[in-house]
């Protein structure tokens, strides 16, 4: 959830256009774990002091695609579940099976 000071930014047409561009650039793929990305993350954290600096807030070079779990882990530094794990439909933590392109073949 966006902080109150950032809501107008995240609702802006400029953000939505750059977000769409970055999702397409990264092929809707999480840059940390390789799963489907739903979120776009600011590498240099967005703050009230830099939100109007376009080189930070709207620069594609400062943005990366992440899945929700990886974004939570990066943002909060203490995400609930390791990247190699996930919650199953019953709420249990289970191992993720990596996409075929990321699997090591032995």
Protein backbone atom coordinates (compact mmCIF):
# COMPACT_ATOMS: atom_id res chain seq x y z
CA UNK A 1 0.00 0.00 0.00
CA UNK A 2 1.35 3.40 -0.96
CA UNK A 3 2.13 5.84 1.80
CA UNK A 4 -0.15 8.89 1.99
CA UNK A 5 2.54 11.24 0.65
CA UNK A 6 2.99 9.02 -2.45
CA UNK A 7 -0.62 8.23 -3.41
CA UNK A 8 -0.96 11.08 -5.92
CA UNK A 9 2.30 10.01 -7.60
CA UNK A 10 1.23 6.37 -7.91
CA UNK A 11 -2.13 7.46 -9.35
CA UNK A 12 -0.50 9.71 -11.97
CA UNK A 13 -0.54 8.93 -15.67
CA UNK A 14 3.24 9.39 -15.81
CA UNK A 15 3.84 6.65 -13.21
CA UNK A 16 1.36 4.29 -14.85
CA UNK A 17 3.06 4.73 -18.26
CA UNK A 18 6.59 4.15 -16.88
CA UNK A 19 5.37 1.19 -14.81
CA UNK A 20 3.85 -0.39 -17.93
CA UNK A 21 7.10 0.24 -19.86
CA UNK A 22 9.22 -1.43 -17.15
CA UNK A 23 6.90 -4.45 -16.88
CA UNK A 24 7.20 -4.93 -20.65
CA UNK A 25 10.97 -4.36 -20.61
CA UNK A 26 11.40 -7.07 -17.96
CA UNK A 27 8.87 -9.37 -19.69
CA UNK A 28 6.63 -9.33 -16.58
CA UNK A 29 9.32 -11.40 -14.83
CA UNK A 30 10.54 -10.94 -11.25
CA UNK A 31 14.19 -9.91 -11.42
CA UNK A 32 14.92 -11.69 -8.12
CA UNK A 33 13.28 -15.10 -8.49
CA UNK A 34 12.13 -15.42 -12.12
CA UNK A 35 8.42 -15.78 -11.38
CA UNK A 36 5.65 -13.54 -12.74
CA UNK A 37 6.08 -9.92 -11.65
CA UNK A 38 3.12 -7.84 -10.57
CA UNK A 39 5.00 -4.93 -9.00
CA UNK A 40 7.59 -2.35 -10.01
CA UNK A 41 10.19 -1.48 -7.38
CA UNK A 42 12.27 1.70 -6.95
CA UNK A 43 15.90 0.59 -6.52
CA UNK A 44 16.73 3.91 -4.86
CA UNK A 45 13.88 4.12 -2.38
CA UNK A 46 11.22 6.74 -3.05
CA UNK A 47 10.97 9.29 -0.22
CA UNK A 48 9.11 12.56 0.37
CA UNK A 49 12.41 14.33 -0.39
CA UNK A 50 13.07 12.71 -3.78
CA UNK A 51 9.59 11.91 -5.14
CA UNK A 52 9.73 14.96 -7.45
CA UNK A 53 13.18 14.03 -8.79
CA UNK A 54 12.29 12.35 -12.09
CA UNK A 55 15.73 10.65 -12.23
CA UNK A 56 14.65 8.66 -9.17
CA UNK A 57 10.86 8.47 -9.35
CA UNK A 58 10.31 7.96 -13.10
CA UNK A 59 13.67 6.71 -14.39
CA UNK A 60 13.37 3.17 -15.82
CA UNK A 61 17.00 2.57 -14.83
CA UNK A 62 15.90 2.97 -11.19
CA UNK A 63 13.00 0.54 -11.56
CA UNK A 64 12.78 -3.23 -11.61
CA UNK A 65 9.99 -5.79 -11.76
CA UNK A 66 9.38 -7.99 -8.73
CA UNK A 67 6.76 -10.49 -7.65
CA UNK A 68 4.80 -9.55 -4.53
CA UNK A 69 6.86 -11.76 -2.20
CA UNK A 70 10.22 -10.44 -3.42
CA UNK A 71 8.95 -6.85 -3.31
CA UNK A 72 7.79 -7.35 0.27
CA UNK A 73 11.14 -8.86 1.19
CA UNK A 74 13.10 -5.96 -0.36
CA UNK A 75 10.80 -3.28 1.02
CA UNK A 76 10.42 -4.64 4.54
CA UNK A 77 13.76 -6.51 4.71
CA UNK A 78 12.03 -9.24 6.72
CA UNK A 79 9.52 -10.82 4.36
CA UNK A 80 7.58 -13.80 5.63
CA UNK A 81 8.78 -16.38 3.15
CA UNK A 82 12.16 -17.06 1.54
CA UNK A 83 12.28 -16.63 -2.26
CA UNK A 84 12.61 -20.40 -2.75
CA UNK A 85 9.45 -20.98 -0.69
CA UNK A 86 5.79 -20.03 -1.06
CA UNK A 87 2.47 -20.48 0.68
CA UNK A 88 0.31 -23.26 -0.76
CA UNK A 89 -3.48 -23.11 -1.06
CA UNK A 90 -3.83 -24.38 2.53
CA UNK A 91 -1.47 -21.75 3.95
CA UNK A 92 1.51 -24.06 4.47
CA UNK A 93 5.03 -23.00 3.45
CA UNK A 94 6.25 -25.24 0.62
CA UNK A 95 9.20 -25.22 -1.78
CA UNK A 96 8.68 -23.41 -5.08
CA UNK A 97 9.46 -25.31 -8.24
CA UNK A 98 11.48 -22.95 -10.46
CA UNK A 99 10.34 -22.26 -14.03
CA UNK A 100 11.88 -24.63 -16.58
CA UNK A 101 14.19 -21.94 -17.95
CA UNK A 102 15.76 -21.47 -14.50
CA UNK A 103 16.11 -25.13 -13.53
CA UNK A 104 19.52 -26.70 -13.33
CA UNK A 105 19.58 -29.91 -15.32
CA UNK A 106 21.80 -32.61 -13.93
